[in-house]
């Protein structure tokens, strides 16, 4: 006997002689047999059973609802996306209603950048951010606005940002630096609710093998030639600057480096110490730099109290000297640290005075110089000069070879 979902309507004679119409068939393995007074009633029941069988086979159900057909379809799509897990549609709708926000009017990208830069400028004024960092951020974001040409911040998608970061034959480090600036900007935009997600998060940060080797330095002979040059250059206006950067390792940027913030009163020749306060230090940590005898001599003759550490037109004057000797940005500081390690043979002391870690000193400065060369370096004194007084007398300094060299 077949158990298929099929039904037939046929004429049936009852024992009492009354004629009726019989509906017979099978529904999901259950036999169905019913009698009806008229053929129309039997046909209606047959149609209902066939619909029920079709719904059972396809997973459909016949339910009375006040929803429209489109609303029913939306509800079916929602349940299919939820799946068969423990998530509840009502709970998800409650969450969406609590957190959903209608899209604001598109915000111009240039306006958003200007607001962000204003916040960064306030950080710079409060000494939270260095001037160099602020200028770097501003330069990058101004170029971003100019080159992407996006009218609204919401138009800045991940593909657009990726194309901007990868423009030109850029190095991985430059890519990471650009990405860092944009990521911080879009994080700020997300906090301000200008956007709903940070498009930079989908752009990978490249891992770079550390390749930095020994620090670039100059020799004791080159250092002496440099100081002899600045003694006669621009009437000695740059001597305090070069003496402090070369013989004390002060970070040398005339715009926003430690040397630009160092005050004359922080240099104490009586105690032989330069006080680098947190507001002066690049890493915002106080440190003390011991004034070596040769530096004390330079600062005695060319006192920062009398000659400004950063003179007028310092940027142009410094550039001329750097170009004349082929100096790189931090070469003066690197030379001091390497000479200090060579003379005193203490990486810990060098780290304290330079504001670095011992691991950095070991990795980049150890054994770059010999004790003999270090002795020559710290034996560079100013030429004998006359200091005005009631009894004018020349001031002379010991020759380099008389300076003791620590073993």
Protein backbone atom coordinates (compact mmCIF):
# COMPACT_ATOMS: atom_id res chain seq x y z
CA UNK A 1 0.00 0.00 0.00
CA UNK A 2 1.29 3.40 -0.95
CA UNK A 3 1.77 5.94 1.83
CA UNK A 4 2.24 8.95 -0.48
CA UNK A 5 0.46 12.25 0.29
CA UNK A 6 -2.32 11.77 -2.29
CA UNK A 7 -6.12 11.97 -2.03
CA UNK A 8 -9.12 10.85 -4.11
CA UNK A 9 -12.85 11.69 -4.01
CA UNK A 10 -15.27 8.97 -5.10
CA UNK A 11 -19.02 8.14 -4.92
CA UNK A 12 -19.87 5.77 -2.02
CA UNK A 13 -23.10 3.83 -1.30
CA UNK A 14 -23.80 3.41 2.38
CA UNK A 15 -25.58 0.33 3.81
CA UNK A 16 -28.68 2.32 4.51
CA UNK A 17 -28.88 3.20 0.82
CA UNK A 18 -27.81 6.82 1.24
CA UNK A 19 -25.24 8.05 -1.31
CA UNK A 20 -22.23 10.05 -0.05
CA UNK A 21 -18.85 11.21 -1.34
CA UNK A 22 -15.76 9.61 0.19
CA UNK A 23 -12.38 11.30 0.54
CA UNK A 24 -9.54 8.76 0.86
CA UNK A 25 -5.76 8.95 0.93
CA UNK A 26 -2.62 9.17 3.05
CA UNK A 27 -1.05 12.13 4.93
CA UNK A 28 2.44 11.59 6.33
CA UNK A 29 1.85 7.86 6.69
CA UNK A 30 -1.62 8.26 8.27
CA UNK A 31 -4.61 6.92 6.37
CA UNK A 32 -7.41 9.45 5.78
CA UNK A 33 -11.00 8.34 5.00
CA UNK A 34 -13.97 10.69 5.38
CA UNK A 35 -17.52 10.77 3.98
CA UNK A 36 -19.30 13.98 2.88
CA UNK A 37 -22.87 14.63 1.86
CA UNK A 38 -21.87 16.50 -1.26
CA UNK A 39 -19.08 16.31 -3.76
CA UNK A 40 -18.23 19.99 -3.22
CA UNK A 41 -17.54 19.45 0.52
CA UNK A 42 -15.31 16.50 -0.25
CA UNK A 43 -13.38 18.51 -2.85
CA UNK A 44 -12.85 21.41 -0.38
CA UNK A 45 -11.47 19.03 2.23
CA UNK A 46 -9.28 17.41 -0.39
CA UNK A 47 -7.80 20.83 -1.24
CA UNK A 48 -7.16 21.60 2.43
CA UNK A 49 -5.38 18.29 2.97
CA UNK A 50 -3.27 18.74 -0.16
CA UNK A 51 -2.19 22.21 1.05
CA UNK A 52 -1.35 20.77 4.45
CA UNK A 53 0.72 18.05 2.82
CA UNK A 54 2.55 20.62 0.65
CA UNK A 55 3.33 22.82 3.66
CA UNK A 56 4.62 19.83 5.57
CA UNK A 57 6.90 18.83 2.72
CA UNK A 58 8.38 22.33 2.23
CA UNK A 59 8.51 23.43 5.86
CA UNK A 60 5.78 26.04 5.35
CA UNK A 61 3.00 26.73 7.79
CA UNK A 62 -0.35 28.38 7.41
CA UNK A 63 -0.63 31.10 10.08
CA UNK A 64 -3.12 33.90 10.50
CA UNK A 65 -1.19 37.20 10.83
CA UNK A 66 -1.73 40.97 10.64
CA UNK A 67 1.57 41.42 8.78
CA UNK A 68 1.73 42.26 5.14
CA UNK A 69 3.37 39.87 2.73
CA UNK A 70 6.53 42.06 2.56
CA UNK A 71 6.72 42.20 6.36
CA UNK A 72 6.41 38.43 6.56
CA UNK A 73 9.24 38.07 4.07
CA UNK A 74 11.44 40.48 6.13
CA UNK A 75 10.72 38.46 9.26
CA UNK A 76 11.67 35.22 7.49
CA UNK A 77 14.98 36.79 6.32
CA UNK A 78 15.72 37.98 9.88
CA UNK A 79 15.18 34.52 11.35
CA UNK A 80 17.33 32.90 8.68
CA UNK A 81 20.19 35.33 9.48
CA UNK A 82 19.88 34.68 13.22
CA UNK A 83 20.17 30.94 12.69
CA UNK A 84 19.36 28.25 15.19
CA UNK A 85 21.59 29.50 18.04
CA UNK A 86 20.55 30.98 21.36
CA UNK A 87 20.12 34.51 20.01
CA UNK A 88 16.63 35.92 20.29
CA UNK A 89 15.15 38.19 17.61
CA UNK A 90 13.35 40.38 20.15
CA UNK A 91 16.53 40.91 22.18
CA UNK A 92 18.45 41.84 19.04
CA UNK A 93 15.78 44.32 18.03
CA UNK A 94 15.87 45.90 21.52
CA UNK A 95 19.66 46.31 21.22
CA UNK A 96 19.39 47.81 17.74
CA UNK A 97 16.75 50.31 18.83
CA UNK A 98 18.89 51.35 21.81
CA UNK A 99 22.07 51.87 19.79
CA UNK A 100 20.94 52.79 16.31
CA UNK A 101 21.49 56.39 15.32
CA UNK A 102 20.20 58.06 12.20
CA UNK A 103 23.03 59.17 9.94
CA UNK A 104 23.99 62.80 10.46
CA UNK A 105 24.50 65.24 7.69
CA UNK A 106 27.80 64.39 5.94
CA UNK A 107 30.66 66.26 7.61
CA UNK A 108 33.25 67.89 5.33
CA UNK A 109 36.60 66.13 5.64
CA UNK A 110 38.53 69.43 5.75
CA UNK A 111 36.42 70.69 8.68
CA UNK A 112 37.00 67.45 10.61
CA UNK A 113 40.75 67.68 10.05
CA UNK A 114 40.80 71.31 11.21
CA UNK A 115 38.92 70.40 14.40
CA UNK A 116 41.32 67.55 15.09
CA UNK A 117 44.38 69.73 14.48
CA UNK A 118 42.99 72.36 16.85
CA UNK A 119 42.80 69.68 19.56
CA UNK A 120 46.38 68.59 18.80
CA UNK A 121 47.56 72.19 18.96
CA UNK A 122 46.05 72.51 22.43
CA UNK A 123 47.99 69.37 23.41
CA UNK A 124 51.14 70.97 22.06
CA UNK A 125 50.56 74.16 24.06
CA UNK A 126 50.05 72.04 27.19
CA UNK A 127 53.36 70.30 26.44
CA UNK A 128 51.60 66.95 25.93
CA UNK A 129 52.75 66.89 22.30
CA UNK A 130 56.03 68.19 20.92
CA UNK A 131 56.06 70.89 18.27
CA UNK A 132 57.79 68.54 15.85
CA UNK A 133 55.06 65.90 16.31
CA UNK A 134 52.32 68.48 15.80
CA UNK A 135 53.92 69.77 12.61
CA UNK A 136 54.36 66.24 11.31
CA UNK A 137 50.69 65.42 11.98
CA UNK A 138 49.50 68.65 10.38
CA UNK A 139 51.68 68.15 7.31
CA UNK A 140 50.40 64.59 6.78
CA UNK A 141 46.71 65.41 7.26
CA UNK A 142 46.87 68.51 5.05
CA UNK A 143 48.32 66.35 2.31
CA UNK A 144 45.67 63.68 2.94
CA UNK A 145 42.87 66.20 2.40
CA UNK A 146 44.58 67.64 -0.65
CA UNK A 147 45.31 64.36 -2.41
CA UNK A 148 42.23 62.26 -1.61
CA UNK A 149 39.84 65.09 -2.54
CA UNK A 150 36.99 63.53 -0.57
CA UNK A 151 34.21 66.00 0.27
CA UNK A 152 33.01 64.18 3.40
CA UNK A 153 34.77 62.11 6.04
CA UNK A 154 32.22 59.34 5.57
CA UNK A 155 33.50 58.84 2.00
CA UNK A 156 36.94 57.78 3.25
CA UNK A 157 36.71 54.04 2.79
CA UNK A 158 39.42 51.46 3.39
CA UNK A 159 40.33 51.16 -0.34
CA UNK A 160 40.74 54.94 -0.60
CA UNK A 161 42.98 55.04 2.47
CA UNK A 162 45.01 52.07 1.24
CA UNK A 163 45.65 53.79 -2.09
CA UNK A 164 46.76 56.94 -0.27
CA UNK A 165 49.13 55.07 2.06
CA UNK A 166 50.70 53.08 -0.77
CA UNK A 167 51.24 56.00 -3.13
CA UNK A 168 54.68 56.22 -4.67
CA UNK A 169 57.57 53.89 -3.88
CA UNK A 170 57.16 54.30 -0.13
CA UNK A 171 59.04 52.23 2.46
CA UNK A 172 57.29 50.05 5.01
CA UNK A 173 58.31 52.42 7.80
CA UNK A 174 56.84 55.43 5.99
CA UNK A 175 53.66 53.42 5.34
CA UNK A 176 53.38 52.62 9.06
CA UNK A 177 54.00 56.26 10.02
CA UNK A 178 51.29 57.50 7.66
CA UNK A 179 48.93 54.80 8.86
CA UNK A 180 49.54 55.81 12.49
CA UNK A 181 48.59 59.44 11.82
CA UNK A 182 45.42 58.47 9.96
CA UNK A 183 44.44 55.85 12.52
CA UNK A 184 44.64 58.36 15.37
CA UNK A 185 42.64 60.91 13.37
CA UNK A 186 39.86 58.46 12.52
CA UNK A 187 39.80 57.19 16.11
CA UNK A 188 39.16 60.79 17.16
CA UNK A 189 36.43 61.05 14.49
CA UNK A 190 34.82 57.88 15.84
CA UNK A 191 34.77 59.33 19.36
CA UNK A 192 33.13 62.48 18.01
CA UNK A 193 30.52 60.27 16.25
CA UNK A 194 31.41 61.69 12.85
CA UNK A 195 31.77 58.11 11.56
CA UNK A 196 30.46 54.73 12.69
CA UNK A 197 33.67 52.72 12.22
CA UNK A 198 37.41 53.29 11.80
CA UNK A 199 38.34 52.37 8.20
CA UNK A 200 42.06 52.23 9.06
CA UNK A 201 41.63 49.15 11.26
CA UNK A 202 41.33 46.92 8.18
CA UNK A 203 44.69 48.14 6.85
CA UNK A 204 47.55 45.98 8.19
CA UNK A 205 50.49 47.40 10.10
CA UNK A 206 53.72 46.06 8.58
CA UNK A 207 56.25 44.25 10.74
CA UNK A 208 59.76 45.58 10.11
CA UNK A 209 63.00 43.90 11.08
CA UNK A 210 65.11 46.25 13.21
CA UNK A 211 68.11 47.22 11.12
CA UNK A 212 69.57 50.16 12.99
CA UNK A 213 73.27 49.59 13.62
CA UNK A 214 76.01 51.63 15.21
CA UNK A 215 75.35 55.34 15.68
CA UNK A 216 76.89 57.83 13.25
CA UNK A 217 79.61 59.88 14.98
CA UNK A 218 82.53 62.16 14.21
CA UNK A 219 86.12 61.75 15.40
CA UNK A 220 87.89 63.75 18.08
CA UNK A 221 89.90 65.46 15.35
CA UNK A 222 86.73 66.43 13.47
CA UNK A 223 85.15 67.64 16.72
CA UNK A 224 88.10 69.94 17.38
CA UNK A 225 87.97 71.28 13.83
CA UNK A 226 84.27 71.96 14.31
CA UNK A 227 84.75 73.89 17.54
CA UNK A 228 87.65 75.90 16.10
CA UNK A 229 85.38 76.85 13.21
CA UNK A 230 82.48 78.01 15.39
CA UNK A 231 84.91 80.08 17.50
CA UNK A 232 85.33 82.38 14.50
CA UNK A 233 81.97 81.87 12.80
CA UNK A 234 79.31 84.59 13.32
CA UNK A 235 81.36 86.13 16.16
CA UNK A 236 81.05 82.95 18.21
CA UNK A 237 77.24 83.16 18.38
CA UNK A 238 76.85 79.37 18.06
CA UNK A 239 79.48 78.30 20.60
CA UNK A 240 77.07 77.66 23.54
CA UNK A 241 74.82 75.66 21.23
CA UNK A 242 77.59 73.45 19.79
CA UNK A 243 79.40 73.06 23.12
CA UNK A 244 76.25 71.84 24.90
CA UNK A 245 75.18 69.49 22.11
CA UNK A 246 78.65 68.05 21.49
CA UNK A 247 80.06 67.84 25.03
CA UNK A 248 76.80 67.22 26.96
CA UNK A 249 74.65 65.34 24.45
CA UNK A 250 71.70 67.75 24.58
CA UNK A 251 69.21 66.92 21.82
CA UNK A 252 70.02 69.48 19.11
CA UNK A 253 66.88 70.64 17.26
CA UNK A 254 66.77 74.45 17.38
CA UNK A 255 63.01 74.39 16.78
CA UNK A 256 61.71 71.94 19.37
CA UNK A 257 64.66 69.95 20.75
CA UNK A 258 65.94 69.95 24.31
CA UNK A 259 68.46 72.64 23.43
CA UNK A 260 65.62 74.97 22.38
CA UNK A 261 63.98 74.67 25.82
CA UNK A 262 67.10 74.63 27.97
CA UNK A 263 67.40 77.72 30.23
CA UNK A 264 70.75 79.29 31.19
CA UNK A 265 69.88 78.94 34.88
CA UNK A 266 69.69 75.15 34.44
CA UNK A 267 73.46 75.16 33.83
CA UNK A 268 75.25 75.27 37.17
CA UNK A 269 79.02 75.60 36.79
CA UNK A 270 79.54 75.65 40.57
CA UNK A 271 78.04 72.17 41.05
CA UNK A 272 79.15 71.00 37.63
CA UNK A 273 75.68 69.80 36.62
CA UNK A 274 73.19 70.61 33.85
CA UNK A 275 69.62 70.05 35.05
CA UNK A 276 67.38 68.70 32.29
CA UNK A 277 63.86 69.21 33.65
CA UNK A 278 60.86 67.10 32.48
CA UNK A 279 59.58 70.05 30.46
CA UNK A 280 62.89 70.16 28.60
CA UNK A 281 63.51 66.42 28.20
CA UNK A 282 62.25 64.68 25.08
CA UNK A 283 61.06 61.72 27.18
CA UNK A 284 59.55 63.99 29.87
CA UNK A 285 61.91 62.63 32.54
CA UNK A 286 64.34 64.65 34.63
CA UNK A 287 68.04 63.90 34.30
CA UNK A 288 71.39 65.44 35.23
CA UNK A 289 74.35 65.80 32.91
CA UNK A 290 77.79 66.14 34.47
CA UNK A 291 79.73 69.09 33.08
CA UNK A 292 83.14 67.84 31.98
CA UNK A 293 86.15 70.18 32.49
CA UNK A 294 86.39 71.13 28.83
CA UNK A 295 82.66 71.97 28.66
CA UNK A 296 83.00 74.04 31.83
CA UNK A 297 85.78 76.01 30.13
CA UNK A 298 83.66 76.68 27.03
CA UNK A 299 80.69 77.78 29.15
CA UNK A 300 82.90 79.97 31.33
CA UNK A 301 84.28 81.89 28.38
CA UNK A 302 81.10 81.84 26.27
CA UNK A 303 78.53 82.01 29.04
CA UNK A 304 74.89 81.23 28.06
CA UNK A 305 73.93 84.04 30.44
CA UNK A 306 75.69 86.42 28.06
CA UNK A 307 75.42 84.62 24.69
CA UNK A 308 71.99 83.08 23.93
CA UNK A 309 71.96 79.30 23.60
CA UNK A 310 69.73 79.75 20.54
CA UNK A 311 70.83 83.00 18.90
CA UNK A 312 68.92 85.06 16.36
CA UNK A 313 68.77 83.36 12.95
CA UNK A 314 69.98 80.14 14.59
CA UNK A 315 68.34 77.89 12.01
CA UNK A 316 70.18 79.46 9.09
CA UNK A 317 73.50 79.75 10.94
CA UNK A 318 73.34 76.15 12.15
CA UNK A 319 72.50 74.93 8.66
CA UNK A 320 75.60 76.61 7.25
CA UNK A 321 77.87 74.91 9.77
CA UNK A 322 76.19 71.51 9.34
CA UNK A 323 76.51 71.71 5.57
CA UNK A 324 80.14 72.86 5.80
CA UNK A 325 81.11 69.79 7.87
CA UNK A 326 78.55 67.36 6.41
CA UNK A 327 76.89 66.77 9.79
CA UNK A 328 73.70 64.77 10.27
CA UNK A 329 70.93 65.75 12.68
CA UNK A 330 71.95 63.83 15.84
CA UNK A 331 75.66 63.31 15.15
CA UNK A 332 76.74 65.68 17.95
CA UNK A 333 74.71 63.78 20.55
CA UNK A 334 75.82 60.39 19.19
CA UNK A 335 79.45 61.49 19.41
CA UNK A 336 79.08 62.59 23.04
CA UNK A 337 77.49 59.29 24.11
CA UNK A 338 80.06 57.12 22.34
CA UNK A 339 82.95 59.20 23.76
CA UNK A 340 81.43 59.09 27.26
CA UNK A 341 81.19 55.28 27.15
CA UNK A 342 84.75 55.02 25.87
CA UNK A 343 86.19 57.26 28.60
CA UNK A 344 84.24 56.16 31.67
CA UNK A 345 83.42 52.57 30.58
CA UNK A 346 80.00 52.75 32.21
CA UNK A 347 76.95 52.13 30.07
CA UNK A 348 74.68 52.81 33.06
CA UNK A 349 76.16 56.25 33.67
CA UNK A 350 76.03 57.08 29.96
CA UNK A 351 72.38 56.00 29.84
CA UNK A 352 71.49 58.21 32.82
CA UNK A 353 73.19 61.28 31.40
CA UNK A 354 71.93 60.78 27.84
CA UNK A 355 68.37 59.83 28.78
CA UNK A 356 68.54 56.42 27.07
CA UNK A 357 68.31 52.84 28.24
CA UNK A 358 71.37 50.68 28.84
CA UNK A 359 70.25 48.33 26.07
CA UNK A 360 70.29 51.21 23.58
CA UNK A 361 73.76 52.26 24.75
CA UNK A 362 75.06 48.70 24.41
CA UNK A 363 73.50 48.17 21.01
CA UNK A 364 74.49 51.43 19.30
CA UNK A 365 77.33 53.15 21.19
CA UNK A 366 79.56 50.57 22.87
CA UNK A 367 83.15 50.28 21.59
CA UNK A 368 82.74 52.90 18.86
CA UNK A 369 85.60 54.94 20.31
CA UNK A 370 88.84 54.15 22.12
CA UNK A 371 89.80 55.59 25.51
CA UNK A 372 92.62 57.48 23.83
CA UNK A 373 90.29 59.18 21.36
CA UNK A 374 87.81 59.90 24.15
CA UNK A 375 90.60 61.60 26.09
CA UNK A 376 91.37 63.77 23.08
CA UNK A 377 87.68 64.59 22.67
CA UNK A 378 87.18 65.71 26.27
CA UNK A 379 90.45 67.61 25.96
CA UNK A 380 89.09 70.06 23.39
CA UNK A 381 89.27 73.45 25.15
CA UNK A 382 88.67 76.95 23.79
CA UNK A 383 91.61 78.98 22.56
CA UNK A 384 93.17 81.27 25.22
CA UNK A 385 91.13 84.46 25.35
CA UNK A 386 91.01 87.65 27.38
CA UNK A 387 88.12 88.11 29.80
CA UNK A 388 87.53 91.81 30.67
CA UNK A 389 88.19 92.57 34.34
CA UNK A 390 89.86 95.20 36.51
CA UNK A 391 93.13 93.44 35.80
CA UNK A 392 92.94 92.01 32.32
CA UNK A 393 94.62 88.62 32.27
CA UNK A 394 94.57 85.84 29.70
CA UNK A 395 92.68 82.68 30.54
CA UNK A 396 94.44 79.51 29.40
CA UNK A 397 93.42 75.87 29.58
CA UNK A 398 95.41 72.64 29.88
CA UNK A 399 96.53 70.90 26.73
CA UNK A 400 94.55 67.79 25.67
CA UNK A 401 97.37 65.37 26.53
CA UNK A 402 97.34 66.46 30.19
CA UNK A 403 93.75 65.28 30.68
CA UNK A 404 93.60 61.99 32.57
CA UNK A 405 91.96 59.10 30.75
CA UNK A 406 89.87 56.76 32.85
CA UNK A 407 90.75 53.13 32.42
